[in-house]
Amino acid sequence: MANTAQARKRARQAVQQNLYNSSQRSTLRTAIKVARKAITGGDKAAAAVILQNSMSVIDRIADKKIIHKNKAARHKSRLNAALKSLAP
């Protein structure tokens, strides 16, 4: 348990920050799932629009340092490769 006022405050802040970061990670996972579903749907034009929105979410969360920038780049690269593999 925290012994000083500063440590107690940091513990309270950590709980709030954990809730915020968890919700942001959930948003990220949802965006990736939506993009994957759109790609497997087969409509390349619609999937491209959804992928653009998903990449925006991925970048935003990486900028906040909730996930590492390389992880964000990996997700974006794999989604882009999956979209390009669709027949036109």
PDB file of N, CA and C in Angstrom:
ATOM      1  N   MET A   1       0.835  -1.184   0.000  1.00  0.00           N
ATOM      2  CA  MET A   1       0.000   0.000   0.000  1.00  0.00           C
ATOM      3  C   MET A   1       0.883   1.252   0.000  1.00  0.00           C
ATOM      4  N   ALA A   2       0.359   2.299  -0.614  1.00  0.00           N
ATOM      5  CA  ALA A   2       1.109   3.544  -0.709  1.00  0.00           C
ATOM      6  C   ALA A   2       1.234   4.206   0.662  1.00  0.00           C
ATOM      7  N   ASN A   3       2.420   4.697   0.969  1.00  0.00           N
ATOM      8  CA  ASN A   3       2.684   5.273   2.284  1.00  0.00           C
ATOM      9  C   ASN A   3       2.644   6.792   2.310  1.00  0.00           C
ATOM     10  N   THR A   4       2.836   7.437   1.189  1.00  0.00           N
ATOM     11  CA  THR A   4       2.864   8.891   1.171  1.00  0.00           C
ATOM     12  C   THR A   4       1.678   9.415   0.380  1.00  0.00           C
ATOM     13  N   ALA A   5       1.377  10.682   0.562  1.00  0.00           N
ATOM     14  CA  ALA A   5       0.267  11.301  -0.163  1.00  0.00           C
ATOM     15  C   ALA A   5       0.525  11.237  -1.666  1.00  0.00           C
ATOM     16  N   GLN A   6       1.771  11.473  -2.042  1.00  0.00           N
ATOM     17  CA  GLN A   6       2.122  11.427  -3.462  1.00  0.00           C
ATOM     18  C   GLN A   6       1.892  10.033  -4.033  1.00  0.00           C
ATOM     19  N   ALA A   7       2.296   9.005  -3.301  1.00  0.00           N
ATOM     20  CA  ALA A   7       2.137   7.628  -3.769  1.00  0.00           C
ATOM     21  C   ALA A   7       0.660   7.248  -3.849  1.00  0.00           C
ATOM     22  N   ARG A   8      -0.142   7.746  -2.881  1.00  0.00           N
ATOM     23  CA  ARG A   8      -1.585   7.460  -2.927  1.00  0.00           C
ATOM     24  C   ARG A   8      -2.225   8.110  -4.142  1.00  0.00           C
ATOM     25  N   LYS A   9      -1.808   9.335  -4.420  1.00  0.00           N
ATOM     26  CA  LYS A   9      -2.353  10.036  -5.588  1.00  0.00           C
ATOM     27  C   LYS A   9      -1.946   9.328  -6.877  1.00  0.00           C
ATOM     28  N   ARG A  10      -0.694   8.923  -6.965  1.00  0.00           N
ATOM     29  CA  ARG A  10      -0.221   8.218  -8.167  1.00  0.00           C
ATOM     30  C   ARG A  10      -0.968   6.912  -8.337  1.00  0.00           C
ATOM     31  N   ALA A  11      -1.294   6.231  -7.252  1.00  0.00           N
ATOM     32  CA  ALA A  11      -2.063   4.989  -7.331  1.00  0.00           C
ATOM     33  C   ALA A  11      -3.461   5.266  -7.870  1.00  0.00           C
ATOM     34  N   ARG A  12      -4.089   6.356  -7.405  1.00  0.00           N
ATOM     35  CA  ARG A  12      -5.418   6.730  -7.913  1.00  0.00           C
ATOM     36  C   ARG A  12      -5.350   7.067  -9.394  1.00  0.00           C
ATOM     37  N   GLN A  13      -4.323   7.820  -9.761  1.00  0.00           N
ATOM     38  CA  GLN A  13      -4.177   8.209 -11.165  1.00  0.00           C
ATOM     39  C   GLN A  13      -3.916   6.996 -12.048  1.00  0.00           C
ATOM     40  N   ALA A  14      -3.170   6.035 -11.531  1.00  0.00           N
ATOM     41  CA  ALA A  14      -2.853   4.838 -12.311  1.00  0.00           C
ATOM     42  C   ALA A  14      -4.113   4.052 -12.633  1.00  0.00           C
ATOM     43  N   VAL A  15      -5.044   4.010 -11.689  1.00  0.00           N
ATOM     44  CA  VAL A  15      -6.301   3.295 -11.923  1.00  0.00           C
ATOM     45  C   VAL A  15      -7.068   3.967 -13.061  1.00  0.00           C
ATOM     46  N   GLN A  16      -7.176   5.287 -13.013  1.00  0.00           N
ATOM     47  CA  GLN A  16      -7.902   6.013 -14.052  1.00  0.00           C
ATOM     48  C   GLN A  16      -7.219   5.866 -15.412  1.00  0.00           C
ATOM     49  N   GLN A  17      -5.898   5.969 -15.417  1.00  0.00           N
ATOM     50  CA  GLN A  17      -5.158   5.849 -16.670  1.00  0.00           C
ATOM     51  C   GLN A  17      -5.296   4.452 -17.251  1.00  0.00           C
ATOM     52  N   ASN A  18      -5.324   3.437 -16.379  1.00  0.00           N
ATOM     53  CA  ASN A  18      -5.494   2.065 -16.840  1.00  0.00           C
ATOM     54  C   ASN A  18      -6.849   1.883 -17.506  1.00  0.00           C
ATOM     55  N   LEU A  19      -7.895   2.467 -16.933  1.00  0.00           N
ATOM     56  CA  LEU A  19      -9.228   2.385 -17.540  1.00  0.00           C
ATOM     57  C   LEU A  19      -9.247   3.054 -18.915  1.00  0.00           C
ATOM     58  N   TYR A  20      -8.617   4.217 -18.999  1.00  0.00           N
ATOM     59  CA  TYR A  20      -8.576   4.944 -20.269  1.00  0.00           C
ATOM     60  C   TYR A  20      -7.799   4.157 -21.314  1.00  0.00           C
ATOM     61  N   ASN A  21      -6.620   3.657 -20.947  1.00  0.00           N
ATOM     62  CA  ASN A  21      -5.795   2.903 -21.885  1.00  0.00           C
ATOM     63  C   ASN A  21      -6.497   1.623 -22.317  1.00  0.00           C
ATOM     64  N   SER A  22      -7.206   0.980 -21.405  1.00  0.00           N
ATOM     65  CA  SER A  22      -7.935  -0.245 -21.742  1.00  0.00           C
ATOM     66  C   SER A  22      -9.011   0.040 -22.776  1.00  0.00           C
ATOM     67  N   SER A  23      -9.727   1.140 -22.605  1.00  0.00           N
ATOM     68  CA  SER A  23     -10.775   1.475 -23.560  1.00  0.00           C
ATOM     69  C   SER A  23     -10.171   1.813 -24.923  1.00  0.00           C
ATOM     70  N   GLN A  24      -9.024   2.465 -24.923  1.00  0.00           N
ATOM     71  CA  GLN A  24      -8.364   2.793 -26.186  1.00  0.00           C
ATOM     72  C   GLN A  24      -7.877   1.534 -26.902  1.00  0.00           C
ATOM     73  N   ARG A  25      -7.331   0.569 -26.141  1.00  0.00           N
ATOM     74  CA  ARG A  25      -6.908  -0.698 -26.739  1.00  0.00           C
ATOM     75  C   ARG A  25      -8.101  -1.457 -27.305  1.00  0.00           C
ATOM     76  N   SER A  26      -9.231  -1.376 -26.622  1.00  0.00           N
ATOM     77  CA  SER A  26     -10.448  -2.017 -27.105  1.00  0.00           C
ATOM     78  C   SER A  26     -10.893  -1.378 -28.424  1.00  0.00           C
ATOM     79  N   THR A  27     -10.809  -0.063 -28.501  1.00  0.00           N
ATOM     80  CA  THR A  27     -11.144   0.651 -29.738  1.00  0.00           C
ATOM     81  C   THR A  27     -10.225   0.205 -30.873  1.00  0.00           C
ATOM     82  N   LEU A  28      -8.956   0.045 -30.559  1.00  0.00           N
ATOM     83  CA  LEU A  28      -7.986  -0.418 -31.555  1.00  0.00           C
ATOM     84  C   LEU A  28      -8.357  -1.805 -32.069  1.00  0.00           C
ATOM     85  N   ARG A  29      -8.623  -2.727 -31.145  1.00  0.00           N
ATOM     86  CA  ARG A  29      -8.956  -4.097 -31.536  1.00  0.00           C
ATOM     87  C   ARG A  29     -10.223  -4.131 -32.366  1.00  0.00           C
ATOM     88  N   THR A  30     -11.208  -3.320 -31.998  1.00  0.00           N
ATOM     89  CA  THR A  30     -12.450  -3.258 -32.756  1.00  0.00           C
ATOM     90  C   THR A  30     -12.195  -2.749 -34.170  1.00  0.00           C
ATOM     91  N   ALA A  31     -11.381  -1.720 -34.298  1.00  0.00           N
ATOM     92  CA  ALA A  31     -11.075  -1.157 -35.620  1.00  0.00           C
ATOM     93  C   ALA A  31     -10.385  -2.200 -36.493  1.00  0.00           C
ATOM     94  N   ILE A  32      -9.484  -2.981 -35.915  1.00  0.00           N
ATOM     95  CA  ILE A  32      -8.779  -4.009 -36.675  1.00  0.00           C
ATOM     96  C   ILE A  32      -9.753  -5.109 -37.099  1.00  0.00           C
ATOM     97  N   LYS A  33     -10.647  -5.500 -36.194  1.00  0.00           N
ATOM     98  CA  LYS A  33     -11.632  -6.537 -36.520  1.00  0.00           C
ATOM     99  C   LYS A  33     -12.577  -6.075 -37.625  1.00  0.00           C
ATOM    100  N   VAL A  34     -13.003  -4.814 -37.553  1.00  0.00           N
ATOM    101  CA  VAL A  34     -13.895  -4.268 -38.585  1.00  0.00           C
ATOM    102  C   VAL A  34     -13.189  -4.274 -39.938  1.00  0.00           C
ATOM    103  N   ALA A  35     -11.929  -3.893 -39.955  1.00  0.00           N
ATOM    104  CA  ALA A  35     -11.168  -3.881 -41.204  1.00  0.00           C
ATOM    105  C   ALA A  35     -11.003  -5.300 -41.748  1.00  0.00           C
ATOM    106  N   ARG A  36     -10.677  -6.242 -40.872  1.00  0.00           N
ATOM    107  CA  ARG A  36     -10.533  -7.643 -41.314  1.00  0.00           C
ATOM    108  C   ARG A  36     -11.841  -8.170 -41.897  1.00  0.00           C
ATOM    109  N   LYS A  37     -12.941  -7.856 -41.224  1.00  0.00           N
ATOM    110  CA  LYS A  37     -14.251  -8.322 -41.699  1.00  0.00           C
ATOM    111  C   LYS A  37     -14.584  -7.716 -43.062  1.00  0.00           C
ATOM    112  N   ALA A  38     -14.265  -6.442 -43.239  1.00  0.00           N
ATOM    113  CA  ALA A  38     -14.521  -5.774 -44.515  1.00  0.00           C
ATOM    114  C   ALA A  38     -13.682  -6.398 -45.629  1.00  0.00           C
ATOM    115  N   ILE A  39     -12.442  -6.736 -45.314  1.00  0.00           N
ATOM    116  CA  ILE A  39     -11.558  -7.334 -46.315  1.00  0.00           C
ATOM    117  C   ILE A  39     -12.056  -8.723 -46.701  1.00  0.00           C
ATOM    118  N   THR A  40     -12.466  -9.510 -45.705  1.00  0.00           N
ATOM    119  CA  THR A  40     -12.969 -10.857 -46.024  1.00  0.00           C
ATOM    120  C   THR A  40     -14.318 -10.801 -46.717  1.00  0.00           C
ATOM    121  N   GLY A  41     -15.008  -9.648 -46.612  1.00  0.00           N
ATOM    122  CA  GLY A  41     -16.281  -9.486 -47.304  1.00  0.00           C
ATOM    123  C   GLY A  41     -16.120  -9.501 -48.813  1.00  0.00           C
ATOM    124  N   GLY A  42     -14.961  -9.078 -49.296  1.00  0.00           N
ATOM    125  CA  GLY A  42     -14.664  -9.173 -50.716  1.00  0.00           C
ATOM    126  C   GLY A  42     -14.839  -7.900 -51.504  1.00  0.00           C
ATOM    127  N   ASP A  43     -15.550  -6.902 -51.004  1.00  0.00           N
ATOM    128  CA  ASP A  43     -15.745  -5.648 -51.729  1.00  0.00           C
ATOM    129  C   ASP A  43     -14.533  -4.755 -51.490  1.00  0.00           C
ATOM    130  N   LYS A  44     -13.668  -4.669 -52.495  1.00  0.00           N
ATOM    131  CA  LYS A  44     -12.392  -3.977 -52.325  1.00  0.00           C
ATOM    132  C   LYS A  44     -12.570  -2.482 -52.079  1.00  0.00           C
ATOM    133  N   ALA A  45     -13.522  -1.851 -52.763  1.00  0.00           N
ATOM    134  CA  ALA A  45     -13.715  -0.412 -52.607  1.00  0.00           C
ATOM    135  C   ALA A  45     -14.209  -0.071 -51.204  1.00  0.00           C
ATOM    136  N   ALA A  46     -15.185  -0.821 -50.740  1.00  0.00           N
ATOM    137  CA  ALA A  46     -15.721  -0.574 -49.392  1.00  0.00           C
ATOM    138  C   ALA A  46     -14.666  -0.888 -48.336  1.00  0.00           C
ATOM    139  N   ALA A  47     -13.912  -1.953 -48.551  1.00  0.00           N
ATOM    140  CA  ALA A  47     -12.867  -2.335 -47.602  1.00  0.00           C
ATOM    141  C   ALA A  47     -11.783  -1.264 -47.540  1.00  0.00           C
ATOM    142  N   ALA A  48     -11.493  -0.631 -48.663  1.00  0.00           N
ATOM    143  CA  ALA A  48     -10.467   0.411 -48.687  1.00  0.00           C
ATOM    144  C   ALA A  48     -10.880   1.604 -47.834  1.00  0.00           C
ATOM    145  N   VAL A  49     -12.155   1.967 -47.889  1.00  0.00           N
ATOM    146  CA  VAL A  49     -12.649   3.089 -47.083  1.00  0.00           C
ATOM    147  C   VAL A  49     -12.585   2.744 -45.597  1.00  0.00           C
ATOM    148  N   ILE A  50     -13.031   1.553 -45.249  1.00  0.00           N
ATOM    149  CA  ILE A  50     -13.006   1.115 -43.852  1.00  0.00           C
ATOM    150  C   ILE A  50     -11.573   0.998 -43.361  1.00  0.00           C
ATOM    151  N   LEU A  51     -10.688   0.503 -44.220  1.00  0.00           N
ATOM    152  CA  LEU A  51      -9.285   0.372 -43.849  1.00  0.00           C
ATOM    153  C   LEU A  51      -8.662   1.734 -43.567  1.00  0.00           C
ATOM    154  N   GLN A  52      -9.045   2.729 -44.345  1.00  0.00           N
ATOM    155  CA  GLN A  52      -8.526   4.086 -44.127  1.00  0.00           C
ATOM    156  C   GLN A  52      -8.926   4.589 -42.742  1.00  0.00           C
ATOM    157  N   ASN A  53     -10.180   4.344 -42.352  1.00  0.00           N
ATOM    158  CA  ASN A  53     -10.648   4.758 -41.025  1.00  0.00           C
ATOM    159  C   ASN A  53      -9.914   3.987 -39.926  1.00  0.00           C
ATOM    160  N   SER A  54      -9.697   2.690 -40.164  1.00  0.00           N
ATOM    161  CA  SER A  54      -9.007   1.864 -39.178  1.00  0.00           C
ATOM    162  C   SER A  54      -7.561   2.309 -39.008  1.00  0.00           C
ATOM    163  N   MET A  55      -6.918   2.677 -40.093  1.00  0.00           N
ATOM    164  CA  MET A  55      -5.535   3.143 -40.009  1.00  0.00           C
ATOM    165  C   MET A  55      -5.449   4.445 -39.230  1.00  0.00           C
ATOM    166  N   SER A  56      -6.456   5.267 -39.375  1.00  0.00           N
ATOM    167  CA  SER A  56      -6.498   6.510 -38.608  1.00  0.00           C
ATOM    168  C   SER A  56      -6.566   6.214 -37.113  1.00  0.00           C
ATOM    169  N   VAL A  57      -7.398   5.243 -36.738  1.00  0.00           N
ATOM    170  CA  VAL A  57      -7.511   4.855 -35.332  1.00  0.00           C
ATOM    171  C   VAL A  57      -6.191   4.284 -34.833  1.00  0.00           C
ATOM    172  N   ILE A  58      -5.570   3.425 -35.632  1.00  0.00           N
ATOM    173  CA  ILE A  58      -4.296   2.809 -35.246  1.00  0.00           C
ATOM    174  C   ILE A  58      -3.234   3.887 -35.027  1.00  0.00           C
ATOM    175  N   ASP A  59      -3.145   4.833 -35.950  1.00  0.00           N
ATOM    176  CA  ASP A  59      -2.159   5.912 -35.812  1.00  0.00           C
ATOM    177  C   ASP A  59      -2.420   6.764 -34.572  1.00  0.00           C
ATOM    178  N   ARG A  60      -3.683   7.067 -34.341  1.00  0.00           N
ATOM    179  CA  ARG A  60      -4.042   7.912 -33.205  1.00  0.00           C
ATOM    180  C   ARG A  60      -3.632   7.257 -31.880  1.00  0.00           C
ATOM    181  N   ILE A  61      -3.869   5.960 -31.785  1.00  0.00           N
ATOM    182  CA  ILE A  61      -3.546   5.247 -30.546  1.00  0.00           C
ATOM    183  C   ILE A  61      -2.035   5.084 -30.403  1.00  0.00           C
ATOM    184  N   ALA A  62      -1.335   4.899 -31.506  1.00  0.00           N
ATOM    185  CA  ALA A  62       0.126   4.806 -31.444  1.00  0.00           C
ATOM    186  C   ALA A  62       0.731   6.157 -31.058  1.00  0.00           C
ATOM    187  N   ASP A  63       0.143   7.253 -31.533  1.00  0.00           N
ATOM    188  CA  ASP A  63       0.638   8.582 -31.180  1.00  0.00           C
ATOM    189  C   ASP A  63       0.503   8.855 -29.683  1.00  0.00           C
ATOM    190  N   LYS A  64      -0.504   8.258 -29.067  1.00  0.00           N
ATOM    191  CA  LYS A  64      -0.703   8.419 -27.623  1.00  0.00           C
ATOM    192  C   LYS A  64       0.163   7.461 -26.821  1.00  0.00           C
ATOM    193  N   LYS A  65       0.962   6.669 -27.530  1.00  0.00           N
ATOM    194  CA  LYS A  65       1.887   5.710 -26.909  1.00  0.00           C
ATOM    195  C   LYS A  65       1.177   4.639 -26.099  1.00  0.00           C
ATOM    196  N   ILE A  66      -0.043   4.295 -26.514  1.00  0.00           N
ATOM    197  CA  ILE A  66      -0.763   3.204 -25.876  1.00  0.00           C
ATOM    198  C   ILE A  66      -0.266   1.881 -26.450  1.00  0.00           C
ATOM    199  N   ILE A  67       0.071   1.900 -27.733  1.00  0.00           N
ATOM    200  CA  ILE A  67       0.786   0.775 -28.341  1.00  0.00           C
ATOM    201  C   ILE A  67       2.056   1.330 -28.972  1.00  0.00           C
ATOM    202  N   HIS A  68       3.017   0.465 -29.195  1.00  0.00           N
ATOM    203  CA  HIS A  68       4.290   0.887 -29.777  1.00  0.00           C
ATOM    204  C   HIS A  68       4.084   1.219 -31.251  1.00  0.00           C
ATOM    205  N   LYS A  69       4.852   2.161 -31.752  1.00  0.00           N
ATOM    206  CA  LYS A  69       4.723   2.580 -33.152  1.00  0.00           C
ATOM    207  C   LYS A  69       5.013   1.435 -34.111  1.00  0.00           C
ATOM    208  N   ASN A  70       5.914   0.525 -33.739  1.00  0.00           N
ATOM    209  CA  ASN A  70       6.205  -0.605 -34.620  1.00  0.00           C
ATOM    210  C   ASN A  70       5.045  -1.583 -34.675  1.00  0.00           C
ATOM    211  N   LYS A  71       4.341  -1.743 -33.574  1.00  0.00           N
ATOM    212  CA  LYS A  71       3.156  -2.608 -33.561  1.00  0.00           C
ATOM    213  C   LYS A  71       2.083  -2.004 -34.450  1.00  0.00           C
ATOM    214  N   ALA A  72       1.925  -0.691 -34.379  1.00  0.00           N
ATOM    215  CA  ALA A  72       0.954  -0.008 -35.231  1.00  0.00           C
ATOM    216  C   ALA A  72       1.325  -0.201 -36.700  1.00  0.00           C
ATOM    217  N   ALA A  73       2.597  -0.046 -37.011  1.00  0.00           N
ATOM    218  CA  ALA A  73       3.054  -0.210 -38.390  1.00  0.00           C
ATOM    219  C   ALA A  73       2.825  -1.640 -38.872  1.00  0.00           C
ATOM    220  N   ARG A  74       3.051  -2.606 -37.988  1.00  0.00           N
ATOM    221  CA  ARG A  74       2.842  -4.012 -38.346  1.00  0.00           C
ATOM    222  C   ARG A  74       1.374  -4.286 -38.666  1.00  0.00           C
ATOM    223  N   HIS A  75       0.475  -3.773 -37.839  1.00  0.00           N
ATOM    224  CA  HIS A  75      -0.954  -3.964 -38.083  1.00  0.00           C
ATOM    225  C   HIS A  75      -1.362  -3.321 -39.406  1.00  0.00           C
ATOM    226  N   LYS A  76      -0.906  -2.102 -39.624  1.00  0.00           N
ATOM    227  CA  LYS A  76      -1.259  -1.398 -40.853  1.00  0.00           C
ATOM    228  C   LYS A  76      -0.727  -2.130 -42.076  1.00  0.00           C
ATOM    229  N   SER A  77       0.497  -2.617 -41.981  1.00  0.00           N
ATOM    230  CA  SER A  77       1.109  -3.313 -43.104  1.00  0.00           C
ATOM    231  C   SER A  77       0.343  -4.591 -43.444  1.00  0.00           C
ATOM    232  N   ARG A  78      -0.013  -5.347 -42.427  1.00  0.00           N
ATOM    233  CA  ARG A  78      -0.725  -6.607 -42.654  1.00  0.00           C
ATOM    234  C   ARG A  78      -2.127  -6.368 -43.210  1.00  0.00           C
ATOM    235  N   LEU A  79      -2.799  -5.344 -42.718  1.00  0.00           N
ATOM    236  CA  LEU A  79      -4.125  -5.027 -43.251  1.00  0.00           C
ATOM    237  C   LEU A  79      -4.032  -4.571 -44.701  1.00  0.00           C
ATOM    238  N   ASN A  80      -3.017  -3.753 -44.986  1.00  0.00           N
ATOM    239  CA  ASN A  80      -2.826  -3.275 -46.369  1.00  0.00           C
ATOM    240  C   ASN A  80      -2.522  -4.442 -47.299  1.00  0.00           C
ATOM    241  N   ALA A  81      -1.677  -5.370 -46.857  1.00  0.00           N
ATOM    242  CA  ALA A  81      -1.327  -6.533 -47.677  1.00  0.00           C
ATOM    243  C   ALA A  81      -2.553  -7.393 -47.929  1.00  0.00           C
ATOM    244  N   ALA A  82      -3.398  -7.536 -46.917  1.00  0.00           N
ATOM    245  CA  ALA A  82      -4.615  -8.341 -47.084  1.00  0.00           C
ATOM    246  C   ALA A  82      -5.550  -7.672 -48.067  1.00  0.00           C
ATOM    247  N   LEU A  83      -5.633  -6.350 -48.032  1.00  0.00           N
ATOM    248  CA  LEU A  83      -6.499  -5.624 -48.969  1.00  0.00           C
ATOM    249  C   LEU A  83      -5.965  -5.751 -50.397  1.00  0.00           C
ATOM    250  N   LYS A  84      -4.649  -5.656 -50.557  1.00  0.00           N
ATOM    251  CA  LYS A  84      -4.066  -5.757 -51.897  1.00  0.00           C
ATOM    252  C   LYS A  84      -4.193  -7.138 -52.489  1.00  0.00           C
ATOM    253  N   SER A  85      -4.331  -8.140 -51.628  1.00  0.00           N
ATOM    254  CA  SER A  85      -4.436  -9.506 -52.137  1.00  0.00           C
ATOM    255  C   SER A  85      -5.834  -9.793 -52.706  1.00  0.00           C
ATOM    256  N   LEU A  86      -6.801  -8.903 -52.437  1.00  0.00           N
ATOM    257  CA  LEU A  86      -8.134  -9.093 -53.008  1.00  0.00           C
ATOM    258  C   LEU A  86      -8.102  -8.880 -54.511  1.00  0.00           C
ATOM    259  N   ALA A  87      -8.952  -9.623 -55.195  1.00  0.00           N
ATOM    260  CA  ALA A  87      -9.055  -9.423 -56.649  1.00  0.00           C
ATOM    261  C   ALA A  87      -9.772  -8.088 -56.898  1.00  0.00           C
ATOM    262  N   PRO A  88      -9.344  -7.353 -57.931  1.00  0.00           N
ATOM    263  CA  PRO A  88      -9.965  -6.040 -58.188  1.00  0.00           C
ATOM    264  C   PRO A  88     -11.342  -6.128 -58.665  1.00  0.00           C
TER     265      PRO A  88
END
